[in-house]
C-alpha atoms as a PDB file:
ATOM      1  CA  MET A   1      24.650 -61.226  69.841  1.00  0.00           C
ATOM      2  CA  ILE A   2      22.791 -58.635  67.759  1.00  0.00           C
ATOM      3  CA  VAL A   3      20.330 -60.111  65.295  1.00  0.00           C
ATOM      4  CA  MET A   4      19.800 -57.825  62.328  1.00  0.00           C
ATOM      5  CA  LYS A   5      16.275 -57.643  60.996  1.00  0.00           C
ATOM      6  CA  PRO A   6      15.798 -57.649  57.247  1.00  0.00           C
ATOM      7  CA  VAL A   7      14.805 -54.381  55.604  1.00  0.00           C
ATOM      8  CA  VAL A   8      13.150 -56.435  52.867  1.00  0.00           C
ATOM      9  CA  ARG A   9      11.684 -59.908  53.116  1.00  0.00           C
ATOM     10  CA  VAL A  10      10.155 -61.679  50.109  1.00  0.00           C
ATOM     11  CA  ILE A  11       8.506 -65.072  50.587  1.00  0.00           C
ATOM     12  CA  ASP A  12       7.196 -67.365  47.821  1.00  0.00           C
ATOM     13  CA  LEU A  13       6.450 -64.499  45.440  1.00  0.00           C
ATOM     14  CA  TRP A  14       4.534 -65.203  42.226  1.00  0.00           C
ATOM     15  CA  LYS A  15       3.505 -62.828  39.471  1.00  0.00           C
ATOM     16  CA  GLN A  16       1.284 -63.842  36.568  1.00  0.00           C
ATOM     17  CA  TYR A  17       0.502 -61.362  33.792  1.00  0.00           C
ATOM     18  CA  GLU A  18      -1.830 -63.450  31.656  1.00  0.00           C
ATOM     19  CA  GLU A  19      -4.113 -66.049  33.178  1.00  0.00           C
ATOM     20  CA  GLY A  20      -4.358 -69.437  31.521  1.00  0.00           C
ATOM     21  CA  SER A  21      -0.853 -69.467  30.064  1.00  0.00           C
ATOM     22  CA  LYS A  22       2.036 -71.422  31.589  1.00  0.00           C
ATOM     23  CA  ASN A  23       4.514 -68.945  30.132  1.00  0.00           C
ATOM     24  CA  SER A  24       2.838 -65.900  31.688  1.00  0.00           C
ATOM     25  CA  PHE A  25       4.561 -66.177  35.084  1.00  0.00           C
ATOM     26  CA  ALA A  26       7.234 -63.511  35.494  1.00  0.00           C
ATOM     27  CA  LEU A  27       7.973 -64.749  39.041  1.00  0.00           C
ATOM     28  CA  ARG A  28       7.651 -68.346  40.215  1.00  0.00           C
ATOM     29  CA  GLY A  29       8.099 -68.460  43.979  1.00  0.00           C
ATOM     30  CA  ALA A  30      10.939 -65.957  44.472  1.00  0.00           C
ATOM     31  CA  ASN A  31      12.463 -65.612  47.957  1.00  0.00           C
ATOM     32  CA  LEU A  32      15.030 -63.168  49.320  1.00  0.00           C
ATOM     33  CA  GLU A  33      16.039 -61.095  52.339  1.00  0.00           C
ATOM     34  CA  ILE A  34      18.089 -57.901  52.464  1.00  0.00           C
ATOM     35  CA  LEU A  35      19.597 -56.753  55.753  1.00  0.00           C
ATOM     36  CA  ALA A  36      20.130 -53.177  56.898  1.00  0.00           C
ATOM     37  CA  GLY A  37      23.211 -51.701  55.252  1.00  0.00           C
ATOM     38  CA  GLU A  38      23.617 -54.621  52.875  1.00  0.00           C
ATOM     39  CA  THR A  39      24.379 -54.245  49.166  1.00  0.00           C
ATOM     40  CA  VAL A  40      22.886 -57.005  47.030  1.00  0.00           C
ATOM     41  CA  ALA A  41      23.239 -57.597  43.289  1.00  0.00           C
ATOM     42  CA  LEU A  42      20.457 -59.437  41.484  1.00  0.00           C
ATOM     43  CA  LEU A  43      21.984 -60.926  38.354  1.00  0.00           C
ATOM     44  CA  GLY A  44      19.970 -62.349  35.479  1.00  0.00           C
ATOM     45  CA  LYS A  45      19.274 -62.201  31.771  1.00  0.00           C
ATOM     46  CA  SER A  46      16.661 -59.916  30.244  1.00  0.00           C
ATOM     47  CA  GLY A  47      13.214 -61.373  30.831  1.00  0.00           C
ATOM     48  CA  SER A  48      14.261 -63.389  33.898  1.00  0.00           C
ATOM     49  CA  GLY A  49      11.970 -61.404  36.217  1.00  0.00           C
ATOM     50  CA  LYS A  50      14.444 -58.986  37.828  1.00  0.00           C
ATOM     51  CA  THR A  51      12.606 -55.745  37.083  1.00  0.00           C
ATOM     52  CA  THR A  52       9.262 -57.339  37.949  1.00  0.00           C
ATOM     53  CA  LEU A  53      10.644 -58.216  41.375  1.00  0.00           C
ATOM     54  CA  LEU A  54      11.975 -54.681  41.819  1.00  0.00           C
ATOM     55  CA  ASN A  55       8.597 -53.158  40.937  1.00  0.00           C
ATOM     56  CA  LEU A  56       6.821 -55.471  43.379  1.00  0.00           C
ATOM     57  CA  ILE A  57       9.198 -54.627  46.236  1.00  0.00           C
ATOM     58  CA  ALA A  58       8.621 -50.935  45.485  1.00  0.00           C
ATOM     59  CA  GLY A  59       4.867 -51.447  45.625  1.00  0.00           C
ATOM     60  CA  LEU A  60       4.471 -50.225  42.051  1.00  0.00           C
ATOM     61  CA  ASP A  61       2.803 -53.508  41.136  1.00  0.00           C
ATOM     62  CA  ARG A  62       1.049 -56.199  43.184  1.00  0.00           C
ATOM     63  CA  PRO A  63       1.934 -59.893  43.269  1.00  0.00           C
ATOM     64  CA  THR A  64      -0.368 -62.711  42.261  1.00  0.00           C
ATOM     65  CA  MET A  65       0.656 -64.567  45.403  1.00  0.00           C
ATOM     66  CA  GLY A  66       3.254 -64.297  48.157  1.00  0.00           C
ATOM     67  CA  LEU A  67       4.471 -61.937  50.871  1.00  0.00           C
ATOM     68  CA  ILE A  68       6.568 -58.754  50.681  1.00  0.00           C
ATOM     69  CA  GLU A  69       7.631 -56.987  53.877  1.00  0.00           C
ATOM     70  CA  VAL A  70       9.531 -53.694  54.036  1.00  0.00           C
ATOM     71  CA  ASP A  71      10.634 -52.521  57.483  1.00  0.00           C
ATOM     72  CA  GLY A  72       8.445 -55.298  58.861  1.00  0.00           C
ATOM     73  CA  GLN A  73       5.338 -53.965  57.122  1.00  0.00           C
ATOM     74  CA  ASP A  74       3.283 -56.165  54.801  1.00  0.00           C
ATOM     75  CA  LEU A  75       2.901 -54.186  51.558  1.00  0.00           C
ATOM     76  CA  GLU A  76      -0.483 -55.749  50.804  1.00  0.00           C
ATOM     77  CA  THR A  77      -2.036 -54.598  54.075  1.00  0.00           C
ATOM     78  CA  LEU A  78      -0.666 -51.047  53.720  1.00  0.00           C
ATOM     79  CA  GLY A  79      -3.049 -50.218  50.862  1.00  0.00           C
ATOM     80  CA  GLU A  80      -2.282 -47.894  47.955  1.00  0.00           C
ATOM     81  CA  TRP A  81      -1.826 -44.761  50.064  1.00  0.00           C
ATOM     82  CA  GLY A  82       0.435 -46.575  52.528  1.00  0.00           C
ATOM     83  CA  ARG A  83       2.606 -47.971  49.735  1.00  0.00           C
ATOM     84  CA  THR A  84       2.910 -44.497  48.202  1.00  0.00           C
ATOM     85  CA  GLU A  85       4.019 -43.038  51.541  1.00  0.00           C
ATOM     86  CA  LEU A  86       6.524 -45.862  52.017  1.00  0.00           C
ATOM     87  CA  ARG A  87       8.040 -45.193  48.585  1.00  0.00           C
ATOM     88  CA  ARG A  88       8.248 -41.480  49.296  1.00  0.00           C
ATOM     89  CA  LYS A  89       9.880 -41.746  52.696  1.00  0.00           C
ATOM     90  CA  ARG A  90      11.764 -45.046  52.809  1.00  0.00           C
ATOM     91  CA  PHE A  91      12.851 -45.760  49.224  1.00  0.00           C
ATOM     92  CA  GLY A  92      15.348 -44.240  46.837  1.00  0.00           C
ATOM     93  CA  PHE A  93      15.350 -45.078  43.126  1.00  0.00           C
ATOM     94  CA  ILE A  94      18.102 -45.102  40.500  1.00  0.00           C
ATOM     95  CA  PHE A  95      17.369 -46.005  36.890  1.00  0.00           C
ATOM     96  CA  GLN A  96      19.362 -46.957  33.804  1.00  0.00           C
ATOM     97  CA  PHE A  97      18.217 -43.850  31.909  1.00  0.00           C
ATOM     98  CA  PHE A  98      18.560 -41.561  34.970  1.00  0.00           C
ATOM     99  CA  ASN A  99      14.902 -40.332  34.880  1.00  0.00           C
ATOM    100  CA  LEU A 100      15.845 -36.782  35.802  1.00  0.00           C
ATOM    101  CA  LEU A 101      13.245 -34.082  35.179  1.00  0.00           C
ATOM    102  CA  PRO A 102      14.634 -32.233  32.130  1.00  0.00           C
ATOM    103  CA  THR A 103      13.104 -28.850  33.026  1.00  0.00           C
ATOM    104  CA  LEU A 104      14.759 -28.828  36.468  1.00  0.00           C
ATOM    105  CA  THR A 105      18.401 -28.137  37.261  1.00  0.00           C
ATOM    106  CA  ALA A 106      20.575 -30.725  39.003  1.00  0.00           C
ATOM    107  CA  PHE A 107      19.982 -28.937  42.314  1.00  0.00           C
ATOM    108  CA  GLU A 108      16.219 -28.784  41.741  1.00  0.00           C
ATOM    109  CA  ASN A 109      16.047 -32.483  40.888  1.00  0.00           C
ATOM    110  CA  VAL A 110      17.684 -33.326  44.220  1.00  0.00           C
ATOM    111  CA  PHE A 111      15.785 -30.679  46.198  1.00  0.00           C
ATOM    112  CA  LEU A 112      12.456 -32.025  44.905  1.00  0.00           C
ATOM    113  CA  SER A 113      13.177 -35.321  46.666  1.00  0.00           C
ATOM    114  CA  LEU A 114      13.363 -33.425  49.965  1.00  0.00           C
ATOM    115  CA  GLU A 115      10.246 -31.390  49.240  1.00  0.00           C
ATOM    116  CA  LEU A 116       8.248 -34.580  48.704  1.00  0.00           C
ATOM    117  CA  ILE A 117       9.037 -35.772  52.237  1.00  0.00           C
ATOM    118  CA  GLY A 118       8.419 -32.369  53.829  1.00  0.00           C
ATOM    119  CA  LYS A 119      12.103 -31.500  54.442  1.00  0.00           C
ATOM    120  CA  PRO A 120      12.860 -28.687  51.959  1.00  0.00           C
ATOM    121  CA  ASP A 121      16.395 -27.974  53.149  1.00  0.00           C
ATOM    122  CA  PRO A 122      18.567 -26.539  50.334  1.00  0.00           C
ATOM    123  CA  THR A 123      21.741 -27.213  52.329  1.00  0.00           C
ATOM    124  CA  LEU A 124      21.034 -30.943  52.306  1.00  0.00           C
ATOM    125  CA  ALA A 125      20.555 -30.861  48.526  1.00  0.00           C
ATOM    126  CA  ARG A 126      23.803 -28.967  47.976  1.00  0.00           C
ATOM    127  CA  ASP A 127      25.686 -31.318  50.327  1.00  0.00           C
ATOM    128  CA  ALA A 128      24.318 -34.359  48.475  1.00  0.00           C
ATOM    129  CA  LEU A 129      25.531 -32.982  45.139  1.00  0.00           C
ATOM    130  CA  ALA A 130      28.936 -32.193  46.645  1.00  0.00           C
ATOM    131  CA  SER A 131      29.154 -35.740  48.058  1.00  0.00           C
ATOM    132  CA  VAL A 132      28.871 -37.189  44.537  1.00  0.00           C
ATOM    133  CA  GLY A 133      31.458 -34.795  43.091  1.00  0.00           C
ATOM    134  CA  LEU A 134      29.070 -32.269  41.533  1.00  0.00           C
ATOM    135  CA  GLU A 135      29.751 -29.226  43.664  1.00  0.00           C
ATOM    136  CA  GLY A 136      29.348 -26.149  41.478  1.00  0.00           C
ATOM    137  CA  LYS A 137      27.162 -27.913  38.892  1.00  0.00           C
ATOM    138  CA  GLY A 138      23.829 -27.546  40.646  1.00  0.00           C
ATOM    139  CA  ARG A 139      22.576 -24.930  38.177  1.00  0.00           C
ATOM    140  CA  ARG A 140      23.115 -27.125  35.133  1.00  0.00           C
ATOM    141  CA  TYR A 141      20.219 -28.874  33.437  1.00  0.00           C
ATOM    142  CA  PRO A 142      20.392 -32.603  32.647  1.00  0.00           C
ATOM    143  CA  HIS A 143      21.174 -32.005  28.973  1.00  0.00           C
ATOM    144  CA  GLU A 144      24.210 -29.960  30.020  1.00  0.00           C
ATOM    145  CA  LEU A 145      25.681 -32.921  31.951  1.00  0.00           C
ATOM    146  CA  SER A 146      27.433 -36.073  30.779  1.00  0.00           C
ATOM    147  CA  GLY A 147      25.821 -39.457  31.289  1.00  0.00           C
ATOM    148  CA  GLY A 148      28.011 -40.151  34.306  1.00  0.00           C
ATOM    149  CA  GLU A 149      27.157 -36.768  35.803  1.00  0.00           C
ATOM    150  CA  GLN A 150      23.451 -37.342  35.270  1.00  0.00           C
ATOM    151  CA  GLN A 151      23.705 -40.670  37.075  1.00  0.00           C
ATOM    152  CA  ARG A 152      25.536 -38.931  39.918  1.00  0.00           C
ATOM    153  CA  VAL A 153      22.615 -36.485  40.190  1.00  0.00           C
ATOM    154  CA  ALA A 154      20.299 -39.494  40.325  1.00  0.00           C
ATOM    155  CA  ILE A 155      22.401 -40.958  43.150  1.00  0.00           C
ATOM    156  CA  ALA A 156      22.328 -37.653  45.023  1.00  0.00           C
ATOM    157  CA  ARG A 157      18.546 -37.541  44.583  1.00  0.00           C
ATOM    158  CA  ALA A 158      18.248 -41.058  45.980  1.00  0.00           C
ATOM    159  CA  ILE A 159      20.556 -40.679  48.992  1.00  0.00           C
ATOM    160  CA  VAL A 160      19.620 -37.144  50.084  1.00  0.00           C
ATOM    161  CA  LYS A 161      16.705 -38.373  52.216  1.00  0.00           C
ATOM    162  CA  GLU A 162      18.774 -41.321  53.567  1.00  0.00           C
ATOM    163  CA  PRO A 163      16.202 -43.989  52.705  1.00  0.00           C
ATOM    164  CA  ALA A 164      16.148 -47.446  54.229  1.00  0.00           C
ATOM    165  CA  LEU A 165      16.499 -49.012  50.798  1.00  0.00           C
ATOM    166  CA  ILE A 166      17.740 -47.910  47.384  1.00  0.00           C
ATOM    167  CA  LEU A 167      16.477 -49.837  44.375  1.00  0.00           C
ATOM    168  CA  ALA A 168      18.732 -49.530  41.331  1.00  0.00           C
ATOM    169  CA  ASP A 169      17.574 -50.904  37.974  1.00  0.00           C
ATOM    170  CA  GLU A 170      20.576 -51.422  35.653  1.00  0.00           C
ATOM    171  CA  PRO A 171      22.292 -48.321  37.143  1.00  0.00           C
ATOM    172  CA  THR A 172      25.268 -48.528  34.750  1.00  0.00           C
ATOM    173  CA  GLY A 173      23.455 -49.886  31.706  1.00  0.00           C
ATOM    174  CA  ASN A 174      23.754 -46.587  29.847  1.00  0.00           C
ATOM    175  CA  LEU A 175      27.352 -45.839  30.838  1.00  0.00           C
ATOM    176  CA  ASP A 176      30.761 -46.890  29.561  1.00  0.00           C
ATOM    177  CA  THR A 177      32.782 -49.289  31.721  1.00  0.00           C
ATOM    178  CA  THR A 178      35.065 -46.704  33.319  1.00  0.00           C
ATOM    179  CA  THR A 179      32.236 -44.328  34.210  1.00  0.00           C
ATOM    180  CA  GLY A 180      30.123 -47.271  35.372  1.00  0.00           C
ATOM    181  CA  ASN A 181      32.832 -48.378  37.782  1.00  0.00           C
ATOM    182  CA  GLN A 182      33.124 -44.862  39.189  1.00  0.00           C
ATOM    183  CA  VAL A 183      29.371 -44.586  39.673  1.00  0.00           C
ATOM    184  CA  LEU A 184      29.089 -48.004  41.353  1.00  0.00           C
ATOM    185  CA  GLU A 185      32.005 -47.344  43.673  1.00  0.00           C
ATOM    186  CA  LEU A 186      30.450 -44.033  44.685  1.00  0.00           C
ATOM    187  CA  LEU A 187      27.008 -45.567  45.196  1.00  0.00           C
ATOM    188  CA  GLU A 188      28.289 -48.485  47.284  1.00  0.00           C
ATOM    189  CA  ARG A 189      30.409 -46.184  49.451  1.00  0.00           C
ATOM    190  CA  ARG A 190      27.589 -43.714  50.144  1.00  0.00           C
ATOM    191  CA  CYS A 191      25.217 -46.530  51.085  1.00  0.00           C
ATOM    192  CA  ARG A 192      27.831 -48.044  53.400  1.00  0.00           C
ATOM    193  CA  GLU A 193      28.568 -44.705  55.071  1.00  0.00           C
ATOM    194  CA  HIS A 194      24.874 -44.067  55.766  1.00  0.00           C
ATOM    195  CA  SER A 195      23.840 -47.684  56.511  1.00  0.00           C
ATOM    196  CA  MET A 196      21.414 -47.750  53.590  1.00  0.00           C
ATOM    197  CA  SER A 197      20.490 -51.055  51.968  1.00  0.00           C
ATOM    198  CA  LEU A 198      20.978 -51.330  48.215  1.00  0.00           C
ATOM    199  CA  LEU A 199      19.437 -53.759  45.731  1.00  0.00           C
ATOM    200  CA  MET A 200      20.861 -53.522  42.223  1.00  0.00           C
ATOM    201  CA  VAL A 201      19.375 -55.512  39.345  1.00  0.00           C
ATOM    202  CA  THR A 202      21.716 -56.136  36.442  1.00  0.00           C
ATOM    203  CA  HIS A 203      22.577 -58.488  33.609  1.00  0.00           C
ATOM    204  CA  THR A 204      26.331 -57.763  33.815  1.00  0.00           C
ATOM    205  CA  VAL A 205      28.953 -59.022  36.269  1.00  0.00           C
ATOM    206  CA  LEU A 206      30.426 -55.513  36.621  1.00  0.00           C
ATOM    207  CA  THR A 207      27.780 -54.525  39.165  1.00  0.00           C
ATOM    208  CA  CYS A 208      28.376 -57.679  41.199  1.00  0.00           C
ATOM    209  CA  ARG A 209      31.879 -56.533  42.203  1.00  0.00           C
ATOM    210  CA  TYR A 210      30.326 -53.942  44.505  1.00  0.00           C
ATOM    211  CA  ALA A 211      27.865 -56.217  46.324  1.00  0.00           C
ATOM    212  CA  HIS A 212      28.079 -58.165  49.572  1.00  0.00           C
ATOM    213  CA  ARG A 213      25.927 -60.908  48.082  1.00  0.00           C
ATOM    214  CA  ILE A 214      25.039 -61.963  44.568  1.00  0.00           C
ATOM    215  CA  LEU A 215      21.576 -63.352  43.852  1.00  0.00           C
ATOM    216  CA  GLN A 216      20.936 -65.035  40.544  1.00  0.00           C
ATOM    217  CA  MET A 217      17.504 -65.040  38.951  1.00  0.00           C
ATOM    218  CA  VAL A 218      16.509 -67.608  36.328  1.00  0.00           C
ATOM    219  CA  ASP A 219      12.965 -67.887  34.968  1.00  0.00           C
ATOM    220  CA  GLY A 220      11.401 -66.001  37.857  1.00  0.00           C
ATOM    221  CA  VAL A 221      13.205 -67.874  40.642  1.00  0.00           C
ATOM    222  CA  VAL A 222      16.113 -66.685  42.808  1.00  0.00           C
ATOM    223  CA  THR A 223      18.367 -69.693  42.364  1.00  0.00           C
ATOM    224  CA  GLU A 224      21.569 -68.756  44.152  1.00  0.00           C
ATOM    225  CA  GLN A 225      22.803 -66.643  47.041  1.00  0.00           C
ATOM    226  CA  THR A 226      26.564 -66.190  46.980  1.00  0.00           C
ATOM    227  CA  PRO A 227      28.647 -64.221  49.512  1.00  0.00           C
ATOM    228  CA  ASN A 228      30.958 -61.955  47.569  1.00  0.00           C
ATOM    229  CA  SER A 229      34.541 -62.004  48.839  1.00  0.00           C
ATOM    230  CA  GLU A 230      35.664 -59.461  46.255  1.00  0.00           C
ATOM    231  CA  THR A 231      33.462 -56.547  47.301  1.00  0.00           C
ATOM    232  CA  LYS A 232      35.503 -53.340  47.234  1.00  0.00           C
ATOM    233  CA  ARG A 233      35.965 -51.700  50.620  1.00  0.00           C
END
């Protein structure tokens, strides 16, 4: 029997932003594991601690207390340089407002992701754009693309280096329902095909349809872990 090791392991994670106040804890002992190739939705209201957890897993912020492991490595012991290298090589990021560089074309936005890891292969960038349905649009700038197309560029940018984990913060929050469904279906399929893990934080149930498991966050605590029998395949 093959035992799959978690790509991410979070144990008793706490985050306090203002000492001396009971209401200053964004996280209150959060726990979760994400396996290789698994798609997980983290569902919760605004202010529940979802984005804080995402930032801590990415090493963009440091916890008050608790353990975070990525690929078996303790983020705290890696140091700032080590966390930066881990983000560059092992993480992909997708945001609600796309976060594309406006002065770069779609191709250049994706190609930059490869340059940052020392693999400046233009063919890989073009293939990534084609895989998300944007073949022939590589020369367009973000303002020349629709919202759905911009999010597809963001997906291509995230998957082109085949990271161990993609972190998506409200990936459809700025899209209409139809476009959001298309983007989520594409994202889930590409992660499945390349055995990449995906953690999506959201406040809507739409995203949950595309996840293997649904985690629910309330007041800084992951309160529920539900296998999802309706995940599209």
